[in-house]
Structures are given as structure tokens and as C-alpha cells.
PDB file of N, CA and C in Angstrom:
ATOM      1  N   MET A   1     -48.300  42.922   7.902  1.00  0.00           N
ATOM      2  CA  MET A   1     -49.582  42.894   8.183  1.00  0.00           C
ATOM      3  C   MET A   1     -50.529  43.192   6.961  1.00  0.00           C
ATOM      4  N   ASP A   2     -51.685  42.687   6.913  1.00  0.00           N
ATOM      5  CA  ASP A   2     -52.570  42.920   5.724  1.00  0.00           C
ATOM      6  C   ASP A   2     -53.154  44.268   5.884  1.00  0.00           C
ATOM      7  N   ALA A   3     -53.953  44.764   4.918  1.00  0.00           N
ATOM      8  CA  ALA A   3     -54.627  46.035   5.028  1.00  0.00           C
ATOM      9  C   ALA A   3     -55.597  45.878   6.120  1.00  0.00           C
ATOM     10  N   MET A   4     -55.958  47.040   6.729  1.00  0.00           N
ATOM     11  CA  MET A   4     -56.913  47.142   7.851  1.00  0.00           C
ATOM     12  C   MET A   4     -58.217  46.736   7.260  1.00  0.00           C
ATOM     13  N   PRO A   5     -59.051  45.895   7.964  1.00  0.00           N
ATOM     14  CA  PRO A   5     -60.414  45.642   7.433  1.00  0.00           C
ATOM     15  C   PRO A   5     -61.420  46.650   7.439  1.00  0.00           C
ATOM     16  N   ASP A   6     -62.367  46.778   6.622  1.00  0.00           N
ATOM     17  CA  ASP A   6     -63.383  47.856   6.600  1.00  0.00           C
ATOM     18  C   ASP A   6     -64.582  47.418   7.580  1.00  0.00           C
ATOM     19  N   THR A   7     -64.653  46.222   8.029  1.00  0.00           N
ATOM     20  CA  THR A   7     -65.722  45.765   8.910  1.00  0.00           C
ATOM     21  C   THR A   7     -65.615  46.484  10.323  1.00  0.00           C
ATOM     22  N   PRO A   8     -66.660  47.086  10.780  1.00  0.00           N
ATOM     23  CA  PRO A   8     -66.624  47.829  12.092  1.00  0.00           C
ATOM     24  C   PRO A   8     -66.287  46.773  13.207  1.00  0.00           C
ATOM     25  N   PRO A   9     -65.425  47.274  14.135  1.00  0.00           N
ATOM     26  CA  PRO A   9     -65.108  46.408  15.225  1.00  0.00           C
ATOM     27  C   PRO A   9     -66.228  46.131  16.196  1.00  0.00           C
ATOM     28  N   ASP A  10     -66.196  45.060  17.054  1.00  0.00           N
ATOM     29  CA  ASP A  10     -67.281  44.683  17.914  1.00  0.00           C
ATOM     30  C   ASP A  10     -67.288  45.646  19.191  1.00  0.00           C
ATOM     31  N   ALA A  11     -66.114  46.300  19.432  1.00  0.00           N
ATOM     32  CA  ALA A  11     -66.005  47.121  20.524  1.00  0.00           C
ATOM     33  C   ALA A  11     -64.948  48.139  20.344  1.00  0.00           C
ATOM     34  N   VAL A  12     -65.021  49.223  21.080  1.00  0.00           N
ATOM     35  CA  VAL A  12     -63.983  50.303  20.842  1.00  0.00           C
ATOM     36  C   VAL A  12     -63.576  50.861  22.136  1.00  0.00           C
ATOM     37  N   ILE A  13     -62.356  51.175  22.429  1.00  0.00           N
ATOM     38  CA  ILE A  13     -61.921  51.917  23.635  1.00  0.00           C
ATOM     39  C   ILE A  13     -61.038  53.022  23.211  1.00  0.00           C
ATOM     40  N   ASP A  14     -61.151  54.089  23.992  1.00  0.00           N
ATOM     41  CA  ASP A  14     -60.343  55.299  23.733  1.00  0.00           C
ATOM     42  C   ASP A  14     -59.308  55.474  24.909  1.00  0.00           C
ATOM     43  N   THR A  15     -58.042  55.358  24.597  1.00  0.00           N
ATOM     44  CA  THR A  15     -57.021  55.474  25.610  1.00  0.00           C
ATOM     45  C   THR A  15     -56.241  56.823  25.451  1.00  0.00           C
ATOM     46  N   PHE A  16     -56.856  57.815  24.745  1.00  0.00           N
ATOM     47  CA  PHE A  16     -56.115  59.019  24.588  1.00  0.00           C
ATOM     48  C   PHE A  16     -55.744  59.660  25.922  1.00  0.00           C
ATOM     49  N   GLY A  17     -54.592  60.196  26.032  1.00  0.00           N
ATOM     50  CA  GLY A  17     -54.015  60.863  27.261  1.00  0.00           C
ATOM     51  C   GLY A  17     -53.547  59.881  28.291  1.00  0.00           C
ATOM     52  N   ARG A  18     -53.529  58.633  28.038  1.00  0.00           N
ATOM     53  CA  ARG A  18     -52.962  57.607  28.959  1.00  0.00           C
ATOM     54  C   ARG A  18     -51.679  57.074  28.272  1.00  0.00           C
ATOM     55  N   LEU A  19     -50.769  56.841  29.178  1.00  0.00           N
ATOM     56  CA  LEU A  19     -49.378  56.366  28.769  1.00  0.00           C
ATOM     57  C   LEU A  19     -49.220  55.026  29.246  1.00  0.00           C
ATOM     58  N   CYS A  20     -48.216  54.253  28.666  1.00  0.00           N
ATOM     59  CA  CYS A  20     -48.077  52.969  28.956  1.00  0.00           C
ATOM     60  C   CYS A  20     -47.771  52.759  30.488  1.00  0.00           C
ATOM     61  N   PRO A  21     -48.253  51.729  31.029  1.00  0.00           N
ATOM     62  CA  PRO A  21     -49.005  50.540  30.508  1.00  0.00           C
ATOM     63  C   PRO A  21     -50.508  50.678  30.463  1.00  0.00           C
ATOM     64  N   VAL A  22     -51.085  51.857  30.695  1.00  0.00           N
ATOM     65  CA  VAL A  22     -52.518  51.988  30.891  1.00  0.00           C
ATOM     66  C   VAL A  22     -53.279  51.514  29.560  1.00  0.00           C
ATOM     67  N   PRO A  23     -52.835  51.853  28.457  1.00  0.00           N
ATOM     68  CA  PRO A  23     -53.646  51.316  27.199  1.00  0.00           C
ATOM     69  C   PRO A  23     -53.656  49.894  27.134  1.00  0.00           C
ATOM     70  N   ILE A  24     -52.638  49.193  27.508  1.00  0.00           N
ATOM     71  CA  ILE A  24     -52.599  47.792  27.507  1.00  0.00           C
ATOM     72  C   ILE A  24     -53.483  47.218  28.698  1.00  0.00           C
ATOM     73  N   ILE A  25     -53.464  47.777  29.842  1.00  0.00           N
ATOM     74  CA  ILE A  25     -54.212  47.358  30.864  1.00  0.00           C
ATOM     75  C   ILE A  25     -55.733  47.465  30.485  1.00  0.00           C
ATOM     76  N   MET A  26     -56.160  48.591  29.840  1.00  0.00           N
ATOM     77  CA  MET A  26     -57.452  48.938  29.433  1.00  0.00           C
ATOM     78  C   MET A  26     -57.984  47.899  28.366  1.00  0.00           C
ATOM     79  N   THR A  27     -56.941  47.513  27.455  1.00  0.00           N
ATOM     80  CA  THR A  27     -57.283  46.601  26.422  1.00  0.00           C
ATOM     81  C   THR A  27     -57.438  45.161  27.095  1.00  0.00           C
ATOM     82  N   ALA A  28     -56.649  44.689  27.986  1.00  0.00           N
ATOM     83  CA  ALA A  28     -56.961  43.508  28.601  1.00  0.00           C
ATOM     84  C   ALA A  28     -58.127  43.318  29.327  1.00  0.00           C
ATOM     85  N   LYS A  29     -58.559  44.442  30.012  1.00  0.00           N
ATOM     86  CA  LYS A  29     -59.814  44.449  30.745  1.00  0.00           C
ATOM     87  C   LYS A  29     -60.981  44.288  29.760  1.00  0.00           C
ATOM     88  N   ARG A  30     -60.961  45.057  28.642  1.00  0.00           N
ATOM     89  CA  ARG A  30     -62.130  45.078  27.734  1.00  0.00           C
ATOM     90  C   ARG A  30     -62.152  43.788  26.948  1.00  0.00           C
ATOM     91  N   MET A  31     -60.911  43.172  26.681  1.00  0.00           N
ATOM     92  CA  MET A  31     -60.936  41.967  25.975  1.00  0.00           C
ATOM     93  C   MET A  31     -61.673  40.775  26.771  1.00  0.00           C
ATOM     94  N   ARG A  32     -61.596  40.729  28.000  1.00  0.00           N
ATOM     95  CA  ARG A  32     -62.228  39.759  28.801  1.00  0.00           C
ATOM     96  C   ARG A  32     -63.779  39.602  28.439  1.00  0.00           C
ATOM     97  N   GLY A  33     -64.378  40.763  28.133  1.00  0.00           N
ATOM     98  CA  GLY A  33     -65.830  40.740  27.885  1.00  0.00           C
ATOM     99  C   GLY A  33     -66.092  40.378  26.453  1.00  0.00           C
ATOM    100  N   LEU A  34     -65.161  40.085  25.596  1.00  0.00           N
ATOM    101  CA  LEU A  34     -65.453  39.765  24.154  1.00  0.00           C
ATOM    102  C   LEU A  34     -65.380  38.241  23.993  1.00  0.00           C
ATOM    103  N   ALA A  35     -66.134  37.675  23.019  1.00  0.00           N
ATOM    104  CA  ALA A  35     -65.982  36.332  22.630  1.00  0.00           C
ATOM    105  C   ALA A  35     -64.940  36.114  21.714  1.00  0.00           C
ATOM    106  N   ALA A  36     -64.497  34.865  21.650  1.00  0.00           N
ATOM    107  CA  ALA A  36     -63.459  34.531  20.653  1.00  0.00           C
ATOM    108  C   ALA A  36     -63.843  34.884  19.278  1.00  0.00           C
ATOM    109  N   GLY A  37     -62.903  35.649  18.560  1.00  0.00           N
ATOM    110  CA  GLY A  37     -63.263  36.074  17.213  1.00  0.00           C
ATOM    111  C   GLY A  37     -63.698  37.468  17.097  1.00  0.00           C
ATOM    112  N   GLN A  38     -64.122  38.009  18.183  1.00  0.00           N
ATOM    113  CA  GLN A  38     -64.606  39.430  18.167  1.00  0.00           C
ATOM    114  C   GLN A  38     -63.329  40.311  18.131  1.00  0.00           C
ATOM    115  N   VAL A  39     -63.579  41.559  17.558  1.00  0.00           N
ATOM    116  CA  VAL A  39     -62.501  42.571  17.360  1.00  0.00           C
ATOM    117  C   VAL A  39     -62.752  43.811  18.156  1.00  0.00           C
ATOM    118  N   LEU A  40     -61.579  44.225  18.858  1.00  0.00           N
ATOM    119  CA  LEU A  40     -61.626  45.405  19.678  1.00  0.00           C
ATOM    120  C   LEU A  40     -60.728  46.472  18.982  1.00  0.00           C
ATOM    121  N   ALA A  41     -61.239  47.737  18.836  1.00  0.00           N
ATOM    122  CA  ALA A  41     -60.486  48.797  18.273  1.00  0.00           C
ATOM    123  C   ALA A  41     -59.876  49.644  19.408  1.00  0.00           C
ATOM    124  N   VAL A  42     -58.667  49.868  19.611  1.00  0.00           N
ATOM    125  CA  VAL A  42     -58.065  50.574  20.535  1.00  0.00           C
ATOM    126  C   VAL A  42     -57.309  51.906  19.919  1.00  0.00           C
ATOM    127  N   PHE A  43     -57.894  53.033  20.513  1.00  0.00           N
ATOM    128  CA  PHE A  43     -57.437  54.203  19.897  1.00  0.00           C
ATOM    129  C   PHE A  43     -56.516  54.864  21.069  1.00  0.00           C
ATOM    130  N   SER A  44     -55.365  55.396  20.643  1.00  0.00           N
ATOM    131  CA  SER A  44     -54.179  55.756  21.450  1.00  0.00           C
ATOM    132  C   SER A  44     -53.481  56.903  20.797  1.00  0.00           C
ATOM    133  N   ASP A  45     -52.998  57.718  21.749  1.00  0.00           N
ATOM    134  CA  ASP A  45     -52.082  58.768  21.305  1.00  0.00           C
ATOM    135  C   ASP A  45     -50.523  58.594  21.896  1.00  0.00           C
ATOM    136  N   ASP A  46     -50.470  57.420  22.528  1.00  0.00           N
ATOM    137  CA  ASP A  46     -49.217  56.913  23.098  1.00  0.00           C
ATOM    138  C   ASP A  46     -48.548  56.136  21.994  1.00  0.00           C
ATOM    139  N   ARG A  47     -47.401  56.613  21.474  1.00  0.00           N
ATOM    140  CA  ARG A  47     -46.483  55.898  20.484  1.00  0.00           C
ATOM    141  C   ARG A  47     -46.055  54.572  20.936  1.00  0.00           C
ATOM    142  N   GLY A  48     -45.989  54.394  22.291  1.00  0.00           N
ATOM    143  CA  GLY A  48     -45.630  53.029  22.896  1.00  0.00           C
ATOM    144  C   GLY A  48     -46.488  51.875  22.386  1.00  0.00           C
ATOM    145  N   ILE A  49     -47.778  52.197  21.969  1.00  0.00           N
ATOM    146  CA  ILE A  49     -48.705  51.213  21.483  1.00  0.00           C
ATOM    147  C   ILE A  49     -48.127  50.381  20.349  1.00  0.00           C
ATOM    148  N   LEU A  50     -47.144  51.047  19.676  1.00  0.00           N
ATOM    149  CA  LEU A  50     -46.558  50.427  18.335  1.00  0.00           C
ATOM    150  C   LEU A  50     -45.775  49.215  18.813  1.00  0.00           C
ATOM    151  N   GLU A  51     -45.184  49.358  19.912  1.00  0.00           N
ATOM    152  CA  GLU A  51     -44.325  48.173  20.339  1.00  0.00           C
ATOM    153  C   GLU A  51     -45.157  47.273  21.461  1.00  0.00           C
ATOM    154  N   ASP A  52     -45.832  47.932  22.302  1.00  0.00           N
ATOM    155  CA  ASP A  52     -46.541  47.320  23.417  1.00  0.00           C
ATOM    156  C   ASP A  52     -47.686  46.303  22.929  1.00  0.00           C
ATOM    157  N   MET A  53     -48.498  46.721  22.031  1.00  0.00           N
ATOM    158  CA  MET A  53     -49.636  46.049  21.573  1.00  0.00           C
ATOM    159  C   MET A  53     -49.245  44.606  20.893  1.00  0.00           C
ATOM    160  N   PRO A  54     -48.321  44.706  19.971  1.00  0.00           N
ATOM    161  CA  PRO A  54     -47.906  43.385  19.342  1.00  0.00           C
ATOM    162  C   PRO A  54     -47.360  42.467  20.434  1.00  0.00           C
ATOM    163  N   LEU A  55     -46.572  42.931  21.385  1.00  0.00           N
ATOM    164  CA  LEU A  55     -46.044  42.063  22.451  1.00  0.00           C
ATOM    165  C   LEU A  55     -47.211  41.524  23.343  1.00  0.00           C
ATOM    166  N   TRP A  56     -48.025  42.348  23.697  1.00  0.00           N
ATOM    167  CA  TRP A  56     -49.158  41.845  24.546  1.00  0.00           C
ATOM    168  C   TRP A  56     -50.045  40.895  23.866  1.00  0.00           C
ATOM    169  N   CYS A  57     -50.317  41.079  22.538  1.00  0.00           N
ATOM    170  CA  CYS A  57     -51.073  40.172  21.811  1.00  0.00           C
ATOM    171  C   CYS A  57     -50.416  38.824  21.748  1.00  0.00           C
ATOM    172  N   ARG A  58     -49.167  38.742  21.584  1.00  0.00           N
ATOM    173  CA  ARG A  58     -48.422  37.437  21.512  1.00  0.00           C
ATOM    174  C   ARG A  58     -48.528  36.827  22.834  1.00  0.00           C
ATOM    175  N   SER A  59     -48.317  37.483  23.904  1.00  0.00           N
ATOM    176  CA  SER A  59     -48.286  36.949  25.299  1.00  0.00           C
ATOM    177  C   SER A  59     -49.603  36.488  25.730  1.00  0.00           C
ATOM    178  N   SER A  60     -50.704  37.138  25.208  1.00  0.00           N
ATOM    179  CA  SER A  60     -52.114  36.916  25.664  1.00  0.00           C
ATOM    180  C   SER A  60     -52.724  35.866  24.720  1.00  0.00           C
ATOM    181  N   ARG A  61     -52.153  35.586  23.632  1.00  0.00           N
ATOM    182  CA  ARG A  61     -52.691  34.675  22.665  1.00  0.00           C
ATOM    183  C   ARG A  61     -53.946  35.348  21.805  1.00  0.00           C
ATOM    184  N   ASN A  62     -53.862  36.645  21.678  1.00  0.00           N
ATOM    185  CA  ASN A  62     -54.760  37.368  20.871  1.00  0.00           C
ATOM    186  C   ASN A  62     -54.164  37.784  19.535  1.00  0.00           C
ATOM    187  N   GLU A  63     -55.000  38.060  18.512  1.00  0.00           N
ATOM    188  CA  GLU A  63     -54.309  38.362  17.091  1.00  0.00           C
ATOM    189  C   GLU A  63     -54.309  39.761  16.960  1.00  0.00           C
ATOM    190  N   LEU A  64     -53.144  40.356  16.762  1.00  0.00           N
ATOM    191  CA  LEU A  64     -53.169  41.824  16.290  1.00  0.00           C
ATOM    192  C   LEU A  64     -53.448  41.897  14.814  1.00  0.00           C
ATOM    193  N   VAL A  65     -54.692  42.414  14.509  1.00  0.00           N
ATOM    194  CA  VAL A  65     -55.141  42.541  13.076  1.00  0.00           C
ATOM    195  C   VAL A  65     -54.255  43.634  12.494  1.00  0.00           C
ATOM    196  N   GLY A  66     -53.969  44.686  13.141  1.00  0.00           N
ATOM    197  CA  GLY A  66     -53.216  45.694  12.527  1.00  0.00           C
ATOM    198  C   GLY A  66     -53.162  46.954  13.370  1.00  0.00           C
ATOM    199  N   ILE A  67     -52.195  47.884  13.051  1.00  0.00           N
ATOM    200  CA  ILE A  67     -52.209  49.073  13.684  1.00  0.00           C
ATOM    201  C   ILE A  67     -51.937  50.225  12.593  1.00  0.00           C
ATOM    202  N   ASP A  68     -52.655  51.231  12.621  1.00  0.00           N
ATOM    203  CA  ASP A  68     -52.566  52.274  11.577  1.00  0.00           C
ATOM    204  C   ASP A  68     -52.584  53.682  12.242  1.00  0.00           C
ATOM    205  N   GLU A  69     -52.072  54.553  11.756  1.00  0.00           N
ATOM    206  CA  GLU A  69     -52.032  55.970  12.095  1.00  0.00           C
ATOM    207  C   GLU A  69     -53.227  56.705  11.572  1.00  0.00           C
ATOM    208  N   VAL A  70     -54.248  57.003  12.364  1.00  0.00           N
ATOM    209  CA  VAL A  70     -55.496  57.614  11.874  1.00  0.00           C
ATOM    210  C   VAL A  70     -55.311  59.138  11.707  1.00  0.00           C
ATOM    211  N   ALA A  71     -54.366  59.661  12.458  1.00  0.00           N
ATOM    212  CA  ALA A  71     -54.133  61.161  12.381  1.00  0.00           C
ATOM    213  C   ALA A  71     -52.772  61.353  12.895  1.00  0.00           C
ATOM    214  N   PRO A  72     -52.089  62.431  12.681  1.00  0.00           N
ATOM    215  CA  PRO A  72     -50.724  62.595  13.122  1.00  0.00           C
ATOM    216  C   PRO A  72     -50.674  62.332  14.685  1.00  0.00           C
ATOM    217  N   GLY A  73     -49.917  61.362  15.076  1.00  0.00           N
ATOM    218  CA  GLY A  73     -49.795  61.068  16.596  1.00  0.00           C
ATOM    219  C   GLY A  73     -50.852  60.346  17.110  1.00  0.00           C
ATOM    220  N   GLU A  74     -51.864  59.852  16.413  1.00  0.00           N
ATOM    221  CA  GLU A  74     -52.912  59.046  16.898  1.00  0.00           C
ATOM    222  C   GLU A  74     -52.984  57.707  16.100  1.00  0.00           C
ATOM    223  N   TRP A  75     -53.006  56.622  16.911  1.00  0.00           N
ATOM    224  CA  TRP A  75     -53.070  55.317  16.214  1.00  0.00           C
ATOM    225  C   TRP A  75     -54.364  54.481  16.706  1.00  0.00           C
ATOM    226  N   ARG A  76     -54.647  53.601  15.829  1.00  0.00           N
ATOM    227  CA  ARG A  76     -55.766  52.589  16.046  1.00  0.00           C
ATOM    228  C   ARG A  76     -55.179  51.202  15.965  1.00  0.00           C
ATOM    229  N   ALA A  77     -55.300  50.397  16.974  1.00  0.00           N
ATOM    230  CA  ALA A  77     -54.885  49.039  16.899  1.00  0.00           C
ATOM    231  C   ALA A  77     -56.217  48.143  16.854  1.00  0.00           C
ATOM    232  N   LEU A  78     -56.251  47.137  16.068  1.00  0.00           N
ATOM    233  CA  LEU A  78     -57.297  46.168  15.987  1.00  0.00           C
ATOM    234  C   LEU A  78     -56.933  44.882  16.470  1.00  0.00           C
ATOM    235  N   VAL A  79     -57.553  44.407  17.554  1.00  0.00           N
ATOM    236  CA  VAL A  79     -57.126  43.209  18.138  1.00  0.00           C
ATOM    237  C   VAL A  79     -58.371  42.222  18.145  1.00  0.00           C
ATOM    238  N   ARG A  80     -58.106  41.012  17.637  1.00  0.00           N
ATOM    239  CA  ARG A  80     -59.064  39.987  17.487  1.00  0.00           C
ATOM    240  C   ARG A  80     -58.826  39.001  18.756  1.00  0.00           C
ATOM    241  N   LYS A  81     -59.951  38.690  19.402  1.00  0.00           N
ATOM    242  CA  LYS A  81     -59.774  37.872  20.634  1.00  0.00           C
ATOM    243  C   LYS A  81     -59.441  36.368  20.074  1.00  0.00           C
ATOM    244  N   GLY A  82     -58.475  35.794  20.630  1.00  0.00           N
ATOM    245  CA  GLY A  82     -58.100  34.397  20.255  1.00  0.00           C
ATOM    246  C   GLY A  82     -58.944  33.390  20.922  1.00  0.00           C
ATOM    247  N   ALA A  83     -59.113  32.226  20.273  1.00  0.00           N
ATOM    248  CA  ALA A  83     -59.832  31.106  20.835  1.00  0.00           C
ATOM    249  C   ALA A  83     -59.168  30.669  22.235  1.00  0.00           C
ATOM    250  N   HIS A  84     -57.903  30.810  22.246  1.00  0.00           N
ATOM    251  CA  HIS A  84     -57.257  30.284  23.505  1.00  0.00           C
ATOM    252  C   HIS A  84     -56.556  31.573  24.236  1.00  0.00           C
ATOM    253  N   ALA A  85     -57.231  32.660  24.226  1.00  0.00           N
ATOM    254  CA  ALA A  85     -56.756  33.978  24.867  1.00  0.00           C
ATOM    255  C   ALA A  85     -56.650  33.676  26.329  1.00  0.00           C
ATOM    256  N   ARG A  86     -55.681  34.360  26.854  1.00  0.00           N
ATOM    257  CA  ARG A  86     -55.522  34.293  28.420  1.00  0.00           C
ATOM    258  C   ARG A  86     -56.246  35.475  29.095  1.00  0.00           C
TER     259      ARG A  86
END
């Protein structure tokens, strides 16, 4: 994956304290309100996001821009809504 972009996301959700599959469920719900090309930042302290988010992006036809660790044990995933997202 390329370096994470400096451009602010179009929307942000905080999934701290929630374990799989809740961060993915919250992501899917929030993505429905975004237009194709918009970016959602998902913050999570569930390490499962490292595997779950790439899988969900592929299955839902959204683009995983990247995942980075913003603090020890805390991750940010950037997801761009695909033109043909489900």
C-alpha cells in the first residue's frame, strides 16, 4: 500500500471498545451514506481490523486506501467508496 494521504477524510467513525464484527458492521452502515470516491476513516482498537477490513473491502467493492497504527494498539483504516460498491 502507498503512504497514507494527508487529505482529511469525508467522514470518521470511532469503533474503540468494539470487537469483530462490530467495526465492520459500523463501517458498512456508514459507507452507505457516502458517495463514490469519498473516504471514510475508521478508528479501532481491535487488532482484527488488520485482517477484516481488507477482506470486507474486497467483498464490498470498496478500496482500502491503507491501515496505519496511530498509537500503540490503535489503528486507522481509510476506505474509499467504490463506484460499484455493494
